[in-house]
Amino acid sequence: VTLDDCCVKIREIIAAGREVNPDILVICHGGPIADPEDAEYVIKNVPEIDGFFGASSIERLASERGMTAQASAFKAIEK
């Protein structure tokens, strides 16, 4: 699923939800929305969205990248 696919799906979700309750807040989360740049892309391309929920993209993915870089640095040590 691409970010553009997400934008289409989010617009559909917003339209369906606001048809039932015009006061609902809709936030995006998950899928290919993993980096701040991804969230920014969605927020700028779906102006009717209310925000982004970070969860694993803030805690898990950031930790994994740091650990992977650290492990690679240790692995690169030559004797």
PDB file of N, CA and C in Angstrom:
ATOM      1  N   VAL A   1       0.849  -1.176   0.000  1.00  0.00           N
ATOM      2  CA  VAL A   1       0.000   0.000   0.000  1.00  0.00           C
ATOM      3  C   VAL A   1       0.892   1.235   0.000  1.00  0.00           C
ATOM      4  N   THR A   2       0.627   2.147  -0.899  1.00  0.00           N
ATOM      5  CA  THR A   2       1.417   3.374  -0.990  1.00  0.00           C
ATOM      6  C   THR A   2       0.801   4.468  -0.127  1.00  0.00           C
ATOM      7  N   LEU A   3       1.539   5.541   0.052  1.00  0.00           N
ATOM      8  CA  LEU A   3       0.998   6.694   0.773  1.00  0.00           C
ATOM      9  C   LEU A   3      -0.190   7.286   0.024  1.00  0.00           C
ATOM     10  N   ASP A   4      -0.127   7.289  -1.295  1.00  0.00           N
ATOM     11  CA  ASP A   4      -1.266   7.793  -2.075  1.00  0.00           C
ATOM     12  C   ASP A   4      -2.496   6.911  -1.878  1.00  0.00           C
ATOM     13  N   ASP A   5      -2.296   5.585  -1.808  1.00  0.00           N
ATOM     14  CA  ASP A   5      -3.407   4.680  -1.507  1.00  0.00           C
ATOM     15  C   ASP A   5      -4.015   5.025  -0.149  1.00  0.00           C
ATOM     16  N   CYS A   6      -3.146   5.287   0.825  1.00  0.00           N
ATOM     17  CA  CYS A   6      -3.615   5.654   2.165  1.00  0.00           C
ATOM     18  C   CYS A   6      -4.449   6.927   2.128  1.00  0.00           C
ATOM     19  N   CYS A   7      -4.001   7.905   1.365  1.00  0.00           N
ATOM     20  CA  CYS A   7      -4.732   9.170   1.285  1.00  0.00           C
ATOM     21  C   CYS A   7      -6.151   8.940   0.759  1.00  0.00           C
ATOM     22  N   VAL A   8      -6.278   8.097  -0.246  1.00  0.00           N
ATOM     23  CA  VAL A   8      -7.599   7.783  -0.805  1.00  0.00           C
ATOM     24  C   VAL A   8      -8.461   7.098   0.254  1.00  0.00           C
ATOM     25  N   LYS A   9      -7.908   6.087   0.928  1.00  0.00           N
ATOM     26  CA  LYS A   9      -8.655   5.338   1.939  1.00  0.00           C
ATOM     27  C   LYS A   9      -9.034   6.241   3.113  1.00  0.00           C
ATOM     28  N   ILE A  10      -8.133   7.094   3.536  1.00  0.00           N
ATOM     29  CA  ILE A  10      -8.424   8.005   4.647  1.00  0.00           C
ATOM     30  C   ILE A  10      -9.554   8.958   4.277  1.00  0.00           C
ATOM     31  N   ARG A  11      -9.538   9.473   3.059  1.00  0.00           N
ATOM     32  CA  ARG A  11     -10.642  10.350   2.614  1.00  0.00           C
ATOM     33  C   ARG A  11     -11.974   9.602   2.650  1.00  0.00           C
ATOM     34  N   GLU A  12     -11.963   8.334   2.243  1.00  0.00           N
ATOM     35  CA  GLU A  12     -13.187   7.519   2.272  1.00  0.00           C
ATOM     36  C   GLU A  12     -13.666   7.318   3.712  1.00  0.00           C
ATOM     37  N   ILE A  13     -12.734   7.056   4.610  1.00  0.00           N
ATOM     38  CA  ILE A  13     -13.081   6.856   6.016  1.00  0.00           C
ATOM     39  C   ILE A  13     -13.646   8.142   6.615  1.00  0.00           C
ATOM     40  N   ILE A  14     -13.004   9.257   6.311  1.00  0.00           N
ATOM     41  CA  ILE A  14     -13.481  10.546   6.817  1.00  0.00           C
ATOM     42  C   ILE A  14     -14.899  10.821   6.313  1.00  0.00           C
ATOM     43  N   ALA A  15     -15.114  10.624   5.028  1.00  0.00           N
ATOM     44  CA  ALA A  15     -16.446  10.887   4.448  1.00  0.00           C
ATOM     45  C   ALA A  15     -17.505  10.005   5.099  1.00  0.00           C
ATOM     46  N   ALA A  16     -17.203   8.716   5.261  1.00  0.00           N
ATOM     47  CA  ALA A  16     -18.175   7.795   5.862  1.00  0.00           C
ATOM     48  C   ALA A  16     -18.440   8.163   7.318  1.00  0.00           C
ATOM     49  N   GLY A  17     -17.400   8.449   8.046  1.00  0.00           N
ATOM     50  CA  GLY A  17     -17.555   8.785   9.460  1.00  0.00           C
ATOM     51  C   GLY A  17     -18.307  10.078   9.673  1.00  0.00           C
ATOM     52  N   ARG A  18     -17.979  11.079   8.897  1.00  0.00           N
ATOM     53  CA  ARG A  18     -18.632  12.380   9.075  1.00  0.00           C
ATOM     54  C   ARG A  18     -20.054  12.397   8.543  1.00  0.00           C
ATOM     55  N   GLU A  19     -20.389  11.414   7.718  1.00  0.00           N
ATOM     56  CA  GLU A  19     -21.781  11.266   7.288  1.00  0.00           C
ATOM     57  C   GLU A  19     -22.640  10.848   8.490  1.00  0.00           C
ATOM     58  N   VAL A  20     -22.066  10.054   9.364  1.00  0.00           N
ATOM     59  CA  VAL A  20     -22.764   9.598  10.563  1.00  0.00           C
ATOM     60  C   VAL A  20     -22.672  10.648  11.677  1.00  0.00           C
ATOM     61  N   ASN A  21     -21.474  11.204  11.845  1.00  0.00           N
ATOM     62  CA  ASN A  21     -21.240  12.193  12.902  1.00  0.00           C
ATOM     63  C   ASN A  21     -20.256  13.244  12.387  1.00  0.00           C
ATOM     64  N   PRO A  22     -20.750  14.408  12.024  1.00  0.00           N
ATOM     65  CA  PRO A  22     -19.868  15.435  11.459  1.00  0.00           C
ATOM     66  C   PRO A  22     -18.815  15.957  12.438  1.00  0.00           C
ATOM     67  N   ASP A  23     -18.959  15.628  13.716  1.00  0.00           N
ATOM     68  CA  ASP A  23     -18.028  16.131  14.723  1.00  0.00           C
ATOM     69  C   ASP A  23     -16.888  15.173  15.063  1.00  0.00           C
ATOM     70  N   ILE A  24     -16.827  14.002  14.397  1.00  0.00           N
ATOM     71  CA  ILE A  24     -15.763  13.057  14.739  1.00  0.00           C
ATOM     72  C   ILE A  24     -14.395  13.604  14.343  1.00  0.00           C
ATOM     73  N   LEU A  25     -13.398  13.141  15.055  1.00  0.00           N
ATOM     74  CA  LEU A  25     -12.014  13.442  14.709  1.00  0.00           C
ATOM     75  C   LEU A  25     -11.431  12.203  14.052  1.00  0.00           C
ATOM     76  N   VAL A  26     -10.690  12.395  12.980  1.00  0.00           N
ATOM     77  CA  VAL A  26     -10.070  11.268  12.281  1.00  0.00           C
ATOM     78  C   VAL A  26      -8.570  11.499  12.247  1.00  0.00           C
ATOM     79  N   ILE A  27      -7.836  10.477  12.711  1.00  0.00           N
ATOM     80  CA  ILE A  27      -6.377  10.529  12.673  1.00  0.00           C
ATOM     81  C   ILE A  27      -5.861   9.348  11.856  1.00  0.00           C
ATOM     82  N   CYS A  28      -4.672   9.495  11.329  1.00  0.00           N
ATOM     83  CA  CYS A  28      -4.078   8.409  10.551  1.00  0.00           C
ATOM     84  C   CYS A  28      -3.052   7.681  11.414  1.00  0.00           C
ATOM     85  N   HIS A  29      -2.801   6.428  11.039  1.00  0.00           N
ATOM     86  CA  HIS A  29      -1.857   5.608  11.813  1.00  0.00           C
ATOM     87  C   HIS A  29      -1.540   4.347  11.015  1.00  0.00           C
ATOM     88  N   GLY A  30      -0.299   3.926  11.060  1.00  0.00           N
ATOM     89  CA  GLY A  30       0.080   2.618  10.555  1.00  0.00           C
ATOM     90  C   GLY A  30       0.325   2.524   9.066  1.00  0.00           C
ATOM     91  N   GLY A  31       0.404   1.285   8.614  1.00  0.00           N
ATOM     92  CA  GLY A  31       0.686   1.025   7.200  1.00  0.00           C
ATOM     93  C   GLY A  31       2.008   1.647   6.796  1.00  0.00           C
ATOM     94  N   PRO A  32       2.032   2.293   5.651  1.00  0.00           N
ATOM     95  CA  PRO A  32       3.282   2.891   5.194  1.00  0.00           C
ATOM     96  C   PRO A  32       3.611   4.225   5.878  1.00  0.00           C
ATOM     97  N   ILE A  33       2.770   4.652   6.807  1.00  0.00           N
ATOM     98  CA  ILE A  33       3.023   5.914   7.516  1.00  0.00           C
ATOM     99  C   ILE A  33       3.944   5.601   8.685  1.00  0.00           C
ATOM    100  N   ALA A  34       5.252   5.611   8.423  1.00  0.00           N
ATOM    101  CA  ALA A  34       6.226   5.179   9.419  1.00  0.00           C
ATOM    102  C   ALA A  34       7.174   6.286   9.857  1.00  0.00           C
ATOM    103  N   ASP A  35       7.359   7.280   9.036  1.00  0.00           N
ATOM    104  CA  ASP A  35       8.309   8.354   9.310  1.00  0.00           C
ATOM    105  C   ASP A  35       7.584   9.693   9.376  1.00  0.00           C
ATOM    106  N   PRO A  36       8.212  10.693  10.004  1.00  0.00           N
ATOM    107  CA  PRO A  36       7.593  12.025  10.034  1.00  0.00           C
ATOM    108  C   PRO A  36       7.261  12.548   8.636  1.00  0.00           C
ATOM    109  N   GLU A  37       8.117  12.234   7.674  1.00  0.00           N
ATOM    110  CA  GLU A  37       7.873  12.692   6.300  1.00  0.00           C
ATOM    111  C   GLU A  37       6.613  12.041   5.725  1.00  0.00           C
ATOM    112  N   ASP A  38       6.376  10.785   6.084  1.00  0.00           N
ATOM    113  CA  ASP A  38       5.170  10.081   5.627  1.00  0.00           C
ATOM    114  C   ASP A  38       3.922  10.736   6.211  1.00  0.00           C
ATOM    115  N   ALA A  39       3.947  10.996   7.512  1.00  0.00           N
ATOM    116  CA  ALA A  39       2.801  11.628   8.175  1.00  0.00           C
ATOM    117  C   ALA A  39       2.561  13.021   7.592  1.00  0.00           C
ATOM    118  N   GLU A  40       3.642  13.748   7.353  1.00  0.00           N
ATOM    119  CA  GLU A  40       3.509  15.087   6.769  1.00  0.00           C
ATOM    120  C   GLU A  40       2.854  15.007   5.386  1.00  0.00           C
ATOM    121  N   TYR A  41       3.261  14.023   4.600  1.00  0.00           N
ATOM    122  CA  TYR A  41       2.696  13.852   3.263  1.00  0.00           C
ATOM    123  C   TYR A  41       1.191  13.624   3.340  1.00  0.00           C
ATOM    124  N   VAL A  42       0.790  12.722   4.234  1.00  0.00           N
ATOM    125  CA  VAL A  42      -0.642  12.416   4.372  1.00  0.00           C
ATOM    126  C   VAL A  42      -1.400  13.638   4.872  1.00  0.00           C
ATOM    127  N   ILE A  43      -0.872  14.292   5.896  1.00  0.00           N
ATOM    128  CA  ILE A  43      -1.559  15.461   6.469  1.00  0.00           C
ATOM    129  C   ILE A  43      -1.694  16.577   5.445  1.00  0.00           C
ATOM    130  N   LYS A  44      -0.673  16.788   4.640  1.00  0.00           N
ATOM    131  CA  LYS A  44      -0.744  17.849   3.616  1.00  0.00           C
ATOM    132  C   LYS A  44      -1.658  17.472   2.455  1.00  0.00           C
ATOM    133  N   ASN A  45      -1.784  16.164   2.180  1.00  0.00           N
ATOM    134  CA  ASN A  45      -2.600  15.733   1.046  1.00  0.00           C
ATOM    135  C   ASN A  45      -4.024  15.350   1.423  1.00  0.00           C
ATOM    136  N   VAL A  46      -4.304  15.315   2.712  1.00  0.00           N
ATOM    137  CA  VAL A  46      -5.664  15.064   3.199  1.00  0.00           C
ATOM    138  C   VAL A  46      -5.957  16.166   4.229  1.00  0.00           C
ATOM    139  N   PRO A  47      -6.241  17.373   3.760  1.00  0.00           N
ATOM    140  CA  PRO A  47      -6.404  18.497   4.686  1.00  0.00           C
ATOM    141  C   PRO A  47      -7.553  18.325   5.682  1.00  0.00           C
ATOM    142  N   GLU A  48      -8.511  17.452   5.377  1.00  0.00           N
ATOM    143  CA  GLU A  48      -9.624  17.253   6.296  1.00  0.00           C
ATOM    144  C   GLU A  48      -9.287  16.326   7.471  1.00  0.00           C
ATOM    145  N   ILE A  49      -8.085  15.758   7.479  1.00  0.00           N
ATOM    146  CA  ILE A  49      -7.664  14.882   8.578  1.00  0.00           C
ATOM    147  C   ILE A  49      -7.316  15.738   9.798  1.00  0.00           C
ATOM    148  N   ASP A  50      -7.479  15.138  10.975  1.00  0.00           N
ATOM    149  CA  ASP A  50      -7.245  15.886  12.206  1.00  0.00           C
ATOM    150  C   ASP A  50      -5.858  15.663  12.799  1.00  0.00           C
ATOM    151  N   GLY A  51      -5.148  14.645  12.368  1.00  0.00           N
ATOM    152  CA  GLY A  51      -3.812  14.439  12.901  1.00  0.00           C
ATOM    153  C   GLY A  51      -3.282  13.045  12.661  1.00  0.00           C
ATOM    154  N   PHE A  52      -2.233  12.712  13.406  1.00  0.00           N
ATOM    155  CA  PHE A  52      -1.504  11.460  13.263  1.00  0.00           C
ATOM    156  C   PHE A  52      -1.279  10.863  14.642  1.00  0.00           C
ATOM    157  N   PHE A  53      -1.432   9.547  14.767  1.00  0.00           N
ATOM    158  CA  PHE A  53      -1.149   8.823  16.000  1.00  0.00           C
ATOM    159  C   PHE A  53       0.129   8.031  15.794  1.00  0.00           C
ATOM    160  N   GLY A  54       1.169   8.343  16.552  1.00  0.00           N
ATOM    161  CA  GLY A  54       2.482   7.774  16.325  1.00  0.00           C
ATOM    162  C   GLY A  54       2.674   6.328  16.710  1.00  0.00           C
ATOM    163  N   ALA A  55       2.484   5.964  17.939  1.00  0.00           N
ATOM    164  CA  ALA A  55       2.675   4.608  18.456  1.00  0.00           C
ATOM    165  C   ALA A  55       4.024   4.015  18.024  1.00  0.00           C
ATOM    166  N   SER A  56       4.009   2.886  17.311  1.00  0.00           N
ATOM    167  CA  SER A  56       5.251   2.171  16.994  1.00  0.00           C
ATOM    168  C   SER A  56       6.197   2.985  16.129  1.00  0.00           C
ATOM    169  N   SER A  57       5.686   3.908  15.343  1.00  0.00           N
ATOM    170  CA  SER A  57       6.586   4.714  14.506  1.00  0.00           C
ATOM    171  C   SER A  57       7.425   5.669  15.356  1.00  0.00           C
ATOM    172  N   ILE A  58       6.988   5.907  16.577  1.00  0.00           N
ATOM    173  CA  ILE A  58       7.767   6.756  17.483  1.00  0.00           C
ATOM    174  C   ILE A  58       8.644   5.908  18.396  1.00  0.00           C
ATOM    175  N   GLU A  59       8.097   4.827  18.908  1.00  0.00           N
ATOM    176  CA  GLU A  59       8.850   4.050  19.883  1.00  0.00           C
ATOM    177  C   GLU A  59       9.613   2.885  19.260  1.00  0.00           C
ATOM    178  N   ARG A  60       8.938   1.971  18.597  1.00  0.00           N
ATOM    179  CA  ARG A  60       9.585   0.758  18.100  1.00  0.00           C
ATOM    180  C   ARG A  60      10.509   1.026  16.923  1.00  0.00           C
ATOM    181  N   LEU A  61      10.019   1.711  15.895  1.00  0.00           N
ATOM    182  CA  LEU A  61      10.838   1.899  14.694  1.00  0.00           C
ATOM    183  C   LEU A  61      12.092   2.711  14.992  1.00  0.00           C
ATOM    184  N   ALA A  62      11.961   3.726  15.813  1.00  0.00           N
ATOM    185  CA  ALA A  62      13.137   4.538  16.160  1.00  0.00           C
ATOM    186  C   ALA A  62      14.165   3.702  16.910  1.00  0.00           C
ATOM    187  N   SER A  63      13.704   2.873  17.829  1.00  0.00           N
ATOM    188  CA  SER A  63      14.615   1.998  18.582  1.00  0.00           C
ATOM    189  C   SER A  63      15.279   0.984  17.666  1.00  0.00           C
ATOM    190  N   GLU A  64      14.483   0.373  16.780  1.00  0.00           N
ATOM    191  CA  GLU A  64      15.037  -0.625  15.866  1.00  0.00           C
ATOM    192  C   GLU A  64      16.122  -0.026  14.986  1.00  0.00           C
ATOM    193  N   ARG A  65      15.889   1.169  14.482  1.00  0.00           N
ATOM    194  CA  ARG A  65      16.899   1.796  13.612  1.00  0.00           C
ATOM    195  C   ARG A  65      18.176   2.062  14.380  1.00  0.00           C
ATOM    196  N   GLY A  66      18.037   2.564  15.608  1.00  0.00           N
ATOM    197  CA  GLY A  66      19.216   2.822  16.430  1.00  0.00           C
ATOM    198  C   GLY A  66      19.970   1.544  16.755  1.00  0.00           C
ATOM    199  N   MET A  67      19.243   0.490  17.102  1.00  0.00           N
ATOM    200  CA  MET A  67      19.873  -0.789  17.435  1.00  0.00           C
ATOM    201  C   MET A  67      20.539  -1.402  16.208  1.00  0.00           C
ATOM    202  N   THR A  68      19.879  -1.298  15.066  1.00  0.00           N
ATOM    203  CA  THR A  68      20.454  -1.848  13.837  1.00  0.00           C
ATOM    204  C   THR A  68      21.746  -1.117  13.481  1.00  0.00           C
ATOM    205  N   ALA A  69      21.748   0.195  13.609  1.00  0.00           N
ATOM    206  CA  ALA A  69      22.958   0.966  13.315  1.00  0.00           C
ATOM    207  C   ALA A  69      24.077   0.616  14.288  1.00  0.00           C
ATOM    208  N   GLN A  70      23.713   0.483  15.560  1.00  0.00           N
ATOM    209  CA  GLN A  70      24.714   0.143  16.572  1.00  0.00           C
ATOM    210  C   GLN A  70      25.284  -1.251  16.329  1.00  0.00           C
ATOM    211  N   ALA A  71      24.433  -2.230  16.032  1.00  0.00           N
ATOM    212  CA  ALA A  71      24.898  -3.589  15.754  1.00  0.00           C
ATOM    213  C   ALA A  71      25.791  -3.605  14.523  1.00  0.00           C
ATOM    214  N   SER A  72      25.419  -2.843  13.493  1.00  0.00           N
ATOM    215  CA  SER A  72      26.246  -2.775  12.279  1.00  0.00           C
ATOM    216  C   SER A  72      27.613  -2.188  12.579  1.00  0.00           C
ATOM    217  N   ALA A  73      27.658  -1.184  13.442  1.00  0.00           N
ATOM    218  CA  ALA A  73      28.938  -0.566  13.803  1.00  0.00           C
ATOM    219  C   ALA A  73      29.840  -1.580  14.515  1.00  0.00           C
ATOM    220  N   PHE A  74      29.256  -2.365  15.428  1.00  0.00           N
ATOM    221  CA  PHE A  74      30.051  -3.393  16.101  1.00  0.00           C
ATOM    222  C   PHE A  74      30.481  -4.475  15.126  1.00  0.00           C
ATOM    223  N   LYS A  75      29.586  -4.849  14.233  1.00  0.00           N
ATOM    224  CA  LYS A  75      29.875  -5.901  13.261  1.00  0.00           C
ATOM    225  C   LYS A  75      30.994  -5.484  12.305  1.00  0.00           C
ATOM    226  N   ALA A  76      31.124  -4.212  12.067  1.00  0.00           N
ATOM    227  CA  ALA A  76      32.126  -3.691  11.118  1.00  0.00           C
ATOM    228  C   ALA A  76      33.538  -3.654  11.705  1.00  0.00           C
ATOM    229  N   ILE A  77      33.685  -3.908  12.993  1.00  0.00           N
ATOM    230  CA  ILE A  77      35.016  -3.897  13.604  1.00  0.00           C
ATOM    231  C   ILE A  77      35.839  -5.045  13.035  1.00  0.00           C
ATOM    232  N   GLU A  78      37.006  -4.674  12.576  1.00  0.00           N
ATOM    233  CA  GLU A  78      37.917  -5.678  12.032  1.00  0.00           C
ATOM    234  C   GLU A  78      39.089  -5.873  12.977  1.00  0.00           C
ATOM    235  N   LYS A  79      39.535  -7.066  13.074  1.00  0.00           N
ATOM    236  CA  LYS A  79      40.676  -7.400  13.951  1.00  0.00           C
ATOM    237  C   LYS A  79      41.970  -7.302  13.170  1.00  0.00           C
TER     238      LYS A  79
END
